Amino acid sequence: MSENQRSTTSIVRKMALIVVGMFGFGYLMVPLYDVLCDITGINGKTGVVDASDVRAIEVDRSREIMVEFIANLNQSASWEFKPDVVSMKVHPGKTYSTTYFARNTSDREVVGQAVPSVAPRAAAKYFSKTECFCFSNQLFAANESKHMPLTFIIDPNIPRTVKTVTLSYTFFDTGKKAGT
């Protein structure tokens, strides 16, 4: 084998390894992201509980937990988005409702989506939503505004060390057209 052929073979092998490595990295992105979120506590996924199951939960009136509501937007977003109430004290086991306000500030129809995150991480599995605007895409006409409902419950089994739970939503334009 000539020097030129060995050099070409070496380059082809290196390129094949790069392609395999890129594929593997792409394949592992979701599990790696989940691990990163678990370590840092960001993007805490909440539970979803059926409204009929809520009646069976006993309210813990011996303690209160502060729930804070935060709204975020992409920098280039043509939205106004904010919680109607920035915080409330709740009893674990009791159902509460609030709303977030969103307004499309553009002159075109858009479809928005909210992605929730709960902090601290230890509270995420105890925070359940029975109704949430984050479950589906939200269609907004040009300059339309809405108060979007959120109904939630905190499981009474939440660790007693958790005194404050922060529910944060990031709202963004999905880029989808109406009806798709």
N, C-alpha and C. Protein backbone atom coordinates (compact mmCIF):
# COMPACT_ATOMS: atom_id res chain seq x y z
N MET A 1 0.85 -1.18 0.00
CA MET A 1 0.00 0.00 0.00
C MET A 1 0.89 1.23 0.00
N SER A 2 0.57 2.17 -0.86
CA SER A 2 1.40 3.37 -0.97
C SER A 2 1.10 4.34 0.18
N GLU A 3 1.99 5.28 0.36
CA GLU A 3 1.84 6.30 1.40
C GLU A 3 0.55 7.10 1.20
N ASN A 4 0.21 7.40 -0.01
CA ASN A 4 -0.99 8.16 -0.33
C ASN A 4 -2.26 7.37 0.04
N GLN A 5 -2.26 6.07 -0.23
CA GLN A 5 -3.40 5.22 0.10
C GLN A 5 -3.57 5.10 1.62
N ARG A 6 -2.44 4.96 2.35
CA ARG A 6 -2.50 4.89 3.80
C ARG A 6 -3.05 6.19 4.40
N SER A 7 -2.64 7.30 3.87
CA SER A 7 -3.12 8.60 4.33
C SER A 7 -4.62 8.74 4.08
N THR A 8 -5.07 8.33 2.90
CA THR A 8 -6.50 8.39 2.56
C THR A 8 -7.31 7.47 3.47
N THR A 9 -6.81 6.26 3.70
CA THR A 9 -7.49 5.30 4.57
C THR A 9 -7.59 5.86 5.99
N SER A 10 -6.53 6.48 6.46
CA SER A 10 -6.52 7.06 7.81
C SER A 10 -7.56 8.18 7.93
N ILE A 11 -7.63 9.01 6.92
CA ILE A 11 -8.61 10.11 6.93
C ILE A 11 -10.03 9.57 6.91
N VAL A 12 -10.29 8.55 6.09
CA VAL A 12 -11.62 7.95 6.00
C VAL A 12 -12.02 7.34 7.35
N ARG A 13 -11.10 6.68 8.02
CA ARG A 13 -11.39 6.09 9.33
C ARG A 13 -11.70 7.17 10.36
N LYS A 14 -10.91 8.23 10.35
CA LYS A 14 -11.15 9.33 11.29
C LYS A 14 -12.51 9.98 11.02
N MET A 15 -12.84 10.18 9.77
CA MET A 15 -14.14 10.78 9.42
C MET A 15 -15.29 9.86 9.84
N ALA A 16 -15.13 8.57 9.65
CA ALA A 16 -16.16 7.60 10.06
C ALA A 16 -16.35 7.63 11.57
N LEU A 17 -15.24 7.73 12.32
CA LEU A 17 -15.34 7.83 13.77
C LEU A 17 -16.05 9.11 14.19
N ILE A 18 -15.78 10.19 13.51
CA ILE A 18 -16.46 11.46 13.81
C ILE A 18 -17.95 11.32 13.57
N VAL A 19 -18.35 10.71 12.45
CA VAL A 19 -19.77 10.52 12.14
C VAL A 19 -20.43 9.65 13.21
N VAL A 20 -19.80 8.54 13.59
CA VAL A 20 -20.34 7.67 14.62
C VAL A 20 -20.44 8.42 15.95
N GLY A 21 -19.42 9.20 16.28
CA GLY A 21 -19.43 9.99 17.51
C GLY A 21 -20.56 11.03 17.51
N MET A 22 -20.76 11.70 16.38
CA MET A 22 -21.84 12.69 16.29
C MET A 22 -23.20 12.02 16.43
N PHE A 23 -23.39 10.87 15.79
CA PHE A 23 -24.64 10.14 15.91
C PHE A 23 -24.89 9.73 17.36
N GLY A 24 -23.86 9.20 18.00
CA GLY A 24 -23.98 8.78 19.39
C GLY A 24 -24.30 9.95 20.31
N PHE A 25 -23.65 11.09 20.09
CA PHE A 25 -23.92 12.27 20.89
C PHE A 25 -25.36 12.72 20.70
N GLY A 26 -25.83 12.76 19.45
CA GLY A 26 -27.22 13.13 19.17
C GLY A 26 -28.20 12.18 19.83
N TYR A 27 -27.90 10.91 19.79
CA TYR A 27 -28.75 9.88 20.39
C TYR A 27 -28.83 10.04 21.91
N LEU A 28 -27.73 10.45 22.52
CA LEU A 28 -27.66 10.57 23.98
C LEU A 28 -28.07 11.94 24.52
N MET A 29 -28.43 12.89 23.64
CA MET A 29 -28.75 14.24 24.08
C MET A 29 -29.89 14.27 25.10
N VAL A 30 -30.99 13.57 24.85
CA VAL A 30 -32.13 13.61 25.77
C VAL A 30 -31.77 13.03 27.13
N PRO A 31 -31.17 11.83 27.20
CA PRO A 31 -30.79 11.34 28.53
C PRO A 31 -29.76 12.25 29.22
N LEU A 32 -28.82 12.80 28.47
CA LEU A 32 -27.83 13.71 29.06
C LEU A 32 -28.51 14.97 29.60
N TYR A 33 -29.49 15.49 28.85
CA TYR A 33 -30.22 16.67 29.28
C TYR A 33 -30.98 16.37 30.58
N ASP A 34 -31.63 15.20 30.64
CA ASP A 34 -32.35 14.82 31.86
C ASP A 34 -31.41 14.73 33.06
N VAL A 35 -30.23 14.17 32.87
CA VAL A 35 -29.25 14.09 33.95
C VAL A 35 -28.81 15.48 34.37
N LEU A 36 -28.54 16.36 33.40
CA LEU A 36 -28.14 17.73 33.71
C LEU A 36 -29.23 18.43 34.50
N CYS A 37 -30.49 18.26 34.10
CA CYS A 37 -31.60 18.88 34.82
C CYS A 37 -31.72 18.33 36.23
N ASP A 38 -31.51 17.03 36.40
CA ASP A 38 -31.56 16.45 37.74
C ASP A 38 -30.46 17.02 38.63
N ILE A 39 -29.27 17.20 38.07
CA ILE A 39 -28.14 17.71 38.84
C ILE A 39 -28.34 19.17 39.21
N THR A 40 -28.78 19.98 38.25
CA THR A 40 -28.90 21.42 38.48
C THR A 40 -30.24 21.84 39.06
N GLY A 41 -31.27 20.97 38.92
CA GLY A 41 -32.59 21.31 39.44
C GLY A 41 -33.43 22.13 38.48
N ILE A 42 -32.95 22.38 37.26
CA ILE A 42 -33.75 23.14 36.31
C ILE A 42 -34.68 22.21 35.55
N ASN A 43 -35.73 22.79 35.01
CA ASN A 43 -36.72 22.07 34.22
C ASN A 43 -37.34 20.91 35.00
N GLY A 44 -37.65 21.16 36.28
CA GLY A 44 -38.31 20.14 37.07
C GLY A 44 -39.66 19.80 36.48
N LYS A 45 -39.85 18.56 36.13
CA LYS A 45 -41.10 18.14 35.52
C LYS A 45 -42.14 17.90 36.60
N THR A 46 -43.33 18.39 36.36
CA THR A 46 -44.38 18.25 37.35
C THR A 46 -45.26 17.07 37.02
N GLY A 47 -46.05 16.69 37.99
CA GLY A 47 -47.01 15.62 37.77
C GLY A 47 -48.31 16.17 37.20
N VAL A 48 -49.11 15.28 36.68
CA VAL A 48 -50.44 15.63 36.21
C VAL A 48 -51.38 14.68 36.92
N VAL A 49 -52.36 15.24 37.59
CA VAL A 49 -53.30 14.41 38.33
C VAL A 49 -54.70 14.69 37.80
N ASP A 50 -55.51 13.67 37.75
CA ASP A 50 -56.89 13.81 37.29
C ASP A 50 -57.70 14.52 38.36
N ALA A 51 -58.59 15.41 37.95
CA ALA A 51 -59.40 16.18 38.90
C ALA A 51 -60.20 15.27 39.83
N SER A 52 -60.64 14.12 39.35
CA SER A 52 -61.42 13.21 40.21
C SER A 52 -60.55 12.58 41.30
N ASP A 53 -59.26 12.43 41.06
CA ASP A 53 -58.35 11.87 42.07
C ASP A 53 -58.05 12.86 43.19
N VAL A 54 -58.23 14.15 42.92
CA VAL A 54 -57.91 15.19 43.89
C VAL A 54 -58.81 15.08 45.13
N ARG A 55 -60.04 14.67 44.95
CA ARG A 55 -60.99 14.59 46.07
C ARG A 55 -60.54 13.62 47.15
N ALA A 56 -59.75 12.63 46.79
CA ALA A 56 -59.29 11.62 47.75
C ALA A 56 -58.09 12.08 48.57
N ILE A 57 -57.51 13.22 48.23
CA ILE A 57 -56.32 13.71 48.93
C ILE A 57 -56.73 14.53 50.15
N GLU A 58 -56.11 14.23 51.27
CA GLU A 58 -56.42 14.95 52.51
C GLU A 58 -55.56 16.20 52.62
N VAL A 59 -56.21 17.32 52.96
CA VAL A 59 -55.52 18.61 53.07
C VAL A 59 -54.72 18.65 54.37
N ASP A 60 -53.47 19.10 54.27
CA ASP A 60 -52.60 19.28 55.44
C ASP A 60 -52.68 20.75 55.87
N ARG A 61 -53.57 21.05 56.82
CA ARG A 61 -53.77 22.44 57.26
C ARG A 61 -52.72 22.87 58.30
N SER A 62 -51.83 21.95 58.67
CA SER A 62 -50.82 22.27 59.68
C SER A 62 -49.64 23.06 59.11
N ARG A 63 -49.59 23.19 57.80
CA ARG A 63 -48.48 23.95 57.21
C ARG A 63 -48.90 24.64 55.92
N GLU A 64 -48.10 25.66 55.58
CA GLU A 64 -48.31 26.40 54.34
C GLU A 64 -47.01 26.40 53.55
N ILE A 65 -47.16 26.40 52.26
CA ILE A 65 -46.01 26.48 51.36
C ILE A 65 -46.22 27.69 50.46
N MET A 66 -45.18 28.47 50.30
CA MET A 66 -45.24 29.62 49.40
C MET A 66 -45.01 29.11 47.97
N VAL A 67 -45.92 29.44 47.06
CA VAL A 67 -45.74 29.10 45.65
C VAL A 67 -45.52 30.40 44.90
N GLU A 68 -44.40 30.49 44.21
CA GLU A 68 -44.06 31.67 43.41
C GLU A 68 -44.29 31.35 41.94
N PHE A 69 -44.79 32.33 41.18
CA PHE A 69 -45.07 32.15 39.76
C PHE A 69 -44.19 33.11 38.96
N ILE A 70 -43.49 32.54 37.98
CA ILE A 70 -42.57 33.32 37.16
C ILE A 70 -42.90 33.09 35.69
N ALA A 71 -42.72 34.13 34.88
CA ALA A 71 -42.95 34.03 33.44
C ALA A 71 -41.70 34.50 32.70
N ASN A 72 -41.32 33.74 31.69
CA ASN A 72 -40.15 34.07 30.86
C ASN A 72 -40.53 34.05 29.40
N LEU A 73 -39.81 34.84 28.61
CA LEU A 73 -40.00 34.88 27.16
C LEU A 73 -38.65 34.76 26.47
N ASN A 74 -38.69 34.29 25.23
CA ASN A 74 -37.49 34.35 24.41
C ASN A 74 -37.19 35.82 24.15
N GLN A 75 -35.94 36.17 23.97
CA GLN A 75 -35.57 37.57 23.77
C GLN A 75 -36.26 38.21 22.57
N SER A 76 -36.43 37.46 21.51
CA SER A 76 -37.01 38.03 20.30
C SER A 76 -38.52 37.81 20.21
N ALA A 77 -39.12 37.36 21.29
CA ALA A 77 -40.55 37.03 21.27
C ALA A 77 -41.41 38.29 21.18
N SER A 78 -42.46 38.19 20.40
CA SER A 78 -43.40 39.31 20.29
C SER A 78 -44.62 39.02 21.17
N TRP A 79 -44.34 38.84 22.46
CA TRP A 79 -45.37 38.51 23.44
C TRP A 79 -45.24 39.40 24.66
N GLU A 80 -46.35 39.50 25.35
CA GLU A 80 -46.34 39.97 26.73
C GLU A 80 -46.82 38.76 27.52
N PHE A 81 -46.14 38.39 28.58
CA PHE A 81 -46.46 37.18 29.32
C PHE A 81 -46.10 37.39 30.78
N LYS A 82 -47.08 37.17 31.68
CA LYS A 82 -46.82 37.36 33.10
C LYS A 82 -47.87 36.63 33.92
N PRO A 83 -47.52 36.26 35.16
CA PRO A 83 -48.53 35.66 36.03
C PRO A 83 -49.46 36.76 36.55
N ASP A 84 -50.74 36.43 36.72
CA ASP A 84 -51.67 37.41 37.29
C ASP A 84 -51.44 37.56 38.79
N VAL A 85 -50.92 36.53 39.43
CA VAL A 85 -50.56 36.56 40.85
C VAL A 85 -49.11 36.09 40.93
N VAL A 86 -48.24 36.81 41.60
CA VAL A 86 -46.83 36.43 41.64
C VAL A 86 -46.51 35.39 42.70
N SER A 87 -47.37 35.28 43.74
CA SER A 87 -47.15 34.25 44.75
C SER A 87 -48.44 34.02 45.54
N MET A 88 -48.51 32.86 46.17
CA MET A 88 -49.63 32.55 47.07
C MET A 88 -49.18 31.50 48.08
N LYS A 89 -49.78 31.57 49.26
CA LYS A 89 -49.53 30.55 50.28
C LYS A 89 -50.60 29.48 50.12
N VAL A 90 -50.16 28.21 50.13
CA VAL A 90 -51.08 27.10 49.90
C VAL A 90 -50.90 26.03 50.97
N HIS A 91 -51.98 25.31 51.22
CA HIS A 91 -51.93 24.13 52.09
C HIS A 91 -51.76 22.91 51.20
N PRO A 92 -50.77 22.06 51.47
CA PRO A 92 -50.63 20.83 50.69
C PRO A 92 -51.92 20.01 50.75
N GLY A 93 -52.32 19.48 49.60
CA GLY A 93 -53.52 18.68 49.51
C GLY A 93 -54.75 19.45 49.06
N LYS A 94 -54.68 20.76 49.03
CA LYS A 94 -55.81 21.59 48.60
C LYS A 94 -55.55 22.07 47.17
N THR A 95 -56.62 22.11 46.39
CA THR A 95 -56.53 22.56 45.00
C THR A 95 -56.60 24.09 44.94
N TYR A 96 -55.73 24.68 44.11
CA TYR A 96 -55.69 26.13 43.93
C TYR A 96 -55.73 26.45 42.45
N SER A 97 -56.24 27.63 42.14
CA SER A 97 -56.30 28.08 40.75
C SER A 97 -55.75 29.50 40.64
N THR A 98 -55.14 29.76 39.52
CA THR A 98 -54.65 31.09 39.19
C THR A 98 -54.62 31.19 37.66
N THR A 99 -54.14 32.29 37.16
CA THR A 99 -54.04 32.48 35.70
C THR A 99 -52.74 33.19 35.35
N TYR A 100 -52.34 32.98 34.12
CA TYR A 100 -51.24 33.73 33.51
C TYR A 100 -51.85 34.56 32.39
N PHE A 101 -51.31 35.74 32.20
CA PHE A 101 -51.76 36.63 31.13
C PHE A 101 -50.76 36.55 29.98
N ALA A 102 -51.29 36.41 28.77
CA ALA A 102 -50.43 36.42 27.58
C ALA A 102 -51.08 37.29 26.52
N ARG A 103 -50.24 38.04 25.81
CA ARG A 103 -50.74 38.87 24.71
C ARG A 103 -49.77 38.78 23.55
N ASN A 104 -50.34 38.52 22.38
CA ASN A 104 -49.58 38.53 21.14
C ASN A 104 -49.45 39.99 20.72
N THR A 105 -48.25 40.52 20.73
CA THR A 105 -48.05 41.94 20.39
C THR A 105 -47.75 42.14 18.90
N SER A 106 -47.82 41.06 18.13
CA SER A 106 -47.53 41.19 16.70
C SER A 106 -48.83 41.41 15.92
N ASP A 107 -48.68 41.72 14.65
CA ASP A 107 -49.84 41.94 13.79
C ASP A 107 -50.16 40.71 12.95
N ARG A 108 -49.75 39.55 13.44
CA ARG A 108 -50.04 38.30 12.75
C ARG A 108 -50.51 37.25 13.74
N GLU A 109 -51.23 36.26 13.23
CA GLU A 109 -51.69 35.15 14.05
C GLU A 109 -50.50 34.27 14.42
N VAL A 110 -50.43 33.84 15.69
CA VAL A 110 -49.33 32.99 16.14
C VAL A 110 -49.85 31.87 17.04
N VAL A 111 -49.06 30.82 17.15
CA VAL A 111 -49.36 29.72 18.05
C VAL A 111 -48.24 29.69 19.09
N GLY A 112 -48.63 29.76 20.35
CA GLY A 112 -47.66 29.76 21.44
C GLY A 112 -47.72 28.48 22.26
N GLN A 113 -46.65 28.23 22.99
CA GLN A 113 -46.58 27.05 23.86
C GLN A 113 -45.80 27.44 25.10
N ALA A 114 -46.26 26.98 26.24
CA ALA A 114 -45.57 27.24 27.50
C ALA A 114 -44.90 25.96 27.98
N VAL A 115 -43.67 26.11 28.45
CA VAL A 115 -42.92 24.98 29.00
C VAL A 115 -42.68 25.26 30.48
N PRO A 116 -43.18 24.36 31.36
CA PRO A 116 -43.04 24.60 32.79
C PRO A 116 -41.73 24.08 33.37
N SER A 117 -41.38 24.65 34.50
CA SER A 117 -40.22 24.20 35.26
C SER A 117 -40.53 24.45 36.73
N VAL A 118 -40.16 23.52 37.59
CA VAL A 118 -40.42 23.65 39.02
C VAL A 118 -39.11 23.56 39.79
N ALA A 119 -38.97 24.45 40.76
CA ALA A 119 -37.81 24.43 41.64
C ALA A 119 -38.32 24.56 43.07
N PRO A 120 -37.69 23.96 44.05
CA PRO A 120 -36.52 23.10 43.93
C PRO A 120 -36.90 21.75 43.31
N ARG A 121 -35.88 21.07 42.85
CA ARG A 121 -36.07 19.78 42.18
C ARG A 121 -36.85 18.81 43.06
N ALA A 122 -36.61 18.84 44.36
CA ALA A 122 -37.27 17.92 45.28
C ALA A 122 -38.79 18.11 45.31
N ALA A 123 -39.26 19.29 44.91
CA ALA A 123 -40.70 19.58 44.95
C ALA A 123 -41.41 19.19 43.67
N ALA A 124 -40.69 19.02 42.58
CA ALA A 124 -41.32 18.82 41.27
C ALA A 124 -42.27 17.64 41.24
N LYS A 125 -41.89 16.52 41.84
CA LYS A 125 -42.76 15.34 41.76
C LYS A 125 -43.99 15.45 42.67
N TYR A 126 -44.02 16.44 43.55
CA TYR A 126 -45.16 16.65 44.43
C TYR A 126 -46.10 17.74 43.93
N PHE A 127 -45.69 18.45 42.90
CA PHE A 127 -46.48 19.55 42.33
C PHE A 127 -47.22 18.99 41.12
N SER A 128 -48.55 18.94 41.19
CA SER A 128 -49.34 18.38 40.10
C SER A 128 -50.34 19.39 39.58
N LYS A 129 -50.53 19.38 38.27
CA LYS A 129 -51.49 20.28 37.64
C LYS A 129 -52.71 19.47 37.20
N THR A 130 -53.91 19.99 37.49
CA THR A 130 -55.14 19.35 37.01
C THR A 130 -55.65 20.06 35.77
N GLU A 131 -55.27 21.32 35.61
CA GLU A 131 -55.60 22.10 34.41
C GLU A 131 -54.45 23.05 34.16
N CYS A 132 -54.01 23.09 32.90
CA CYS A 132 -52.88 23.97 32.59
C CYS A 132 -52.87 24.34 31.12
N PHE A 133 -52.61 25.59 30.85
CA PHE A 133 -52.48 26.06 29.48
C PHE A 133 -51.25 25.47 28.79
N CYS A 134 -50.35 24.88 29.57
CA CYS A 134 -49.13 24.30 29.00
C CYS A 134 -49.38 22.95 28.35
N PHE A 135 -50.58 22.38 28.53
CA PHE A 135 -50.87 21.07 27.96
C PHE A 135 -51.09 21.12 26.46
N SER A 136 -51.36 22.31 25.91
CA SER A 136 -51.65 22.39 24.48
C SER A 136 -51.13 23.70 23.90
N ASN A 137 -51.03 23.72 22.57
CA ASN A 137 -50.66 24.95 21.88
C ASN A 137 -51.78 25.98 22.04
N GLN A 138 -51.40 27.24 22.12
CA GLN A 138 -52.35 28.33 22.29
C GLN A 138 -52.36 29.19 21.03
N LEU A 139 -53.52 29.29 20.40
CA LEU A 139 -53.67 30.11 19.20
C LEU A 139 -54.04 31.53 19.59
N PHE A 140 -53.29 32.50 19.08
CA PHE A 140 -53.55 33.91 19.32
C PHE A 140 -53.71 34.63 18.00
N ALA A 141 -54.80 35.38 17.86
CA ALA A 141 -54.97 36.25 16.70
C ALA A 141 -54.02 37.44 16.88
N ALA A 142 -53.87 38.23 15.86
CA ALA A 142 -53.02 39.42 15.94
C ALA A 142 -53.49 40.30 17.10
N ASN A 143 -52.58 40.69 17.97
CA ASN A 143 -52.84 41.56 19.13
C ASN A 143 -53.86 41.00 20.12
N GLU A 144 -54.13 39.71 20.09
CA GLU A 144 -55.08 39.10 21.02
C GLU A 144 -54.41 38.85 22.37
N SER A 145 -55.20 38.96 23.45
CA SER A 145 -54.70 38.64 24.79
C SER A 145 -55.65 37.66 25.45
N LYS A 146 -55.09 36.89 26.41
CA LYS A 146 -55.86 35.87 27.13
C LYS A 146 -55.35 35.76 28.56
N HIS A 147 -56.27 35.40 29.44
CA HIS A 147 -55.91 34.96 30.78
C HIS A 147 -56.04 33.45 30.74
N MET A 148 -54.93 32.75 30.91
CA MET A 148 -54.90 31.30 30.73
C MET A 148 -54.87 30.61 32.10
N PRO A 149 -55.77 29.62 32.30
CA PRO A 149 -55.93 29.01 33.63
C PRO A 149 -54.87 27.99 34.00
N LEU A 150 -54.61 27.94 35.29
CA LEU A 150 -53.72 26.95 35.89
C LEU A 150 -54.38 26.50 37.19
N THR A 151 -54.63 25.20 37.32
CA THR A 151 -55.15 24.63 38.56
C THR A 151 -54.14 23.59 39.02
N PHE A 152 -53.75 23.66 40.29
CA PHE A 152 -52.70 22.78 40.78
C PHE A 152 -52.97 22.33 42.21
N ILE A 153 -52.23 21.33 42.60
CA ILE A 153 -52.28 20.81 43.97
C ILE A 153 -50.87 20.34 44.34
N ILE A 154 -50.50 20.55 45.58
CA ILE A 154 -49.22 20.05 46.08
C ILE A 154 -49.52 18.86 46.97
N ASP A 155 -48.89 17.76 46.69
CA ASP A 155 -49.09 16.52 47.45
C ASP A 155 -48.68 16.74 48.90
N PRO A 156 -49.53 16.33 49.86
CA PRO A 156 -49.19 16.50 51.28
C PRO A 156 -47.92 15.75 51.70
N ASN A 157 -47.45 14.81 50.90
CA ASN A 157 -46.23 14.08 51.22
C ASN A 157 -44.96 14.84 50.84
N ILE A 158 -45.09 16.07 50.37
CA ILE A 158 -43.92 16.87 50.02
C ILE A 158 -43.04 17.00 51.27
N PRO A 159 -41.73 16.90 51.12
CA PRO A 159 -40.85 16.99 52.30
C PRO A 159 -41.08 18.28 53.09
N ARG A 160 -41.03 18.17 54.39
CA ARG A 160 -41.27 19.33 55.26
C ARG A 160 -40.19 20.39 55.12
N THR A 161 -39.07 20.02 54.56
CA THR A 161 -37.99 21.00 54.35
C THR A 161 -38.31 21.97 53.22
N VAL A 162 -39.28 21.62 52.36
CA VAL A 162 -39.65 22.50 51.25
C VAL A 162 -40.63 23.54 51.77
N LYS A 163 -40.21 24.78 51.76
CA LYS A 163 -41.04 25.90 52.24
C LYS A 163 -41.55 26.76 51.09
N THR A 164 -40.80 26.76 49.98
CA THR A 164 -41.15 27.57 48.81
C THR A 164 -41.00 26.73 47.56
N VAL A 165 -41.99 26.82 46.67
CA VAL A 165 -41.95 26.15 45.37
C VAL A 165 -42.09 27.24 44.31
N THR A 166 -41.24 27.19 43.31
CA THR A 166 -41.30 28.17 42.23
C THR A 166 -41.72 27.47 40.95
N LEU A 167 -42.81 27.95 40.38
CA LEU A 167 -43.29 27.45 39.09
C LEU A 167 -42.97 28.50 38.05
N SER A 168 -42.15 28.12 37.10
CA SER A 168 -41.71 29.04 36.06
C SER A 168 -42.16 28.51 34.70
N TYR A 169 -42.69 29.40 33.89
CA TYR A 169 -43.07 29.05 32.52
C TYR A 169 -42.27 29.89 31.55
N THR A 170 -41.80 29.24 30.50
CA THR A 170 -41.20 29.96 29.38
C THR A 170 -42.19 29.83 28.23
N PHE A 171 -42.61 30.96 27.69
CA PHE A 171 -43.60 30.99 26.62
C PHE A 171 -42.89 31.36 25.33
N PHE A 172 -43.18 30.61 24.27
CA PHE A 172 -42.52 30.89 23.01
C PHE A 172 -43.45 30.65 21.83
N ASP A 173 -43.12 31.24 20.72
CA ASP A 173 -43.84 31.06 19.47
C ASP A 173 -43.39 29.73 18.89
N THR A 174 -44.32 28.82 18.63
CA THR A 174 -43.97 27.50 18.12
C THR A 174 -43.55 27.54 16.65
N GLY A 175 -43.91 28.62 15.98
CA GLY A 175 -43.61 28.71 14.54
C GLY A 175 -44.65 27.97 13.71
N LYS A 176 -45.62 27.35 14.38
CA LYS A 176 -46.66 26.62 13.66
C LYS A 176 -47.71 27.58 13.14
N LYS A 177 -48.39 27.19 12.10
CA LYS A 177 -49.52 27.93 11.56
C LYS A 177 -50.78 27.45 12.27
N ALA A 178 -51.79 28.28 12.32
CA ALA A 178 -53.06 27.91 12.94
C ALA A 178 -53.62 26.66 12.26
N GLY A 179 -54.13 25.75 13.08
CA GLY A 179 -54.75 24.54 12.56
C GLY A 179 -53.78 23.41 12.27
N THR A 180 -52.49 23.59 12.56
CA THR A 180 -51.50 22.52 12.31
C THR A 180 -50.99 21.95 13.59
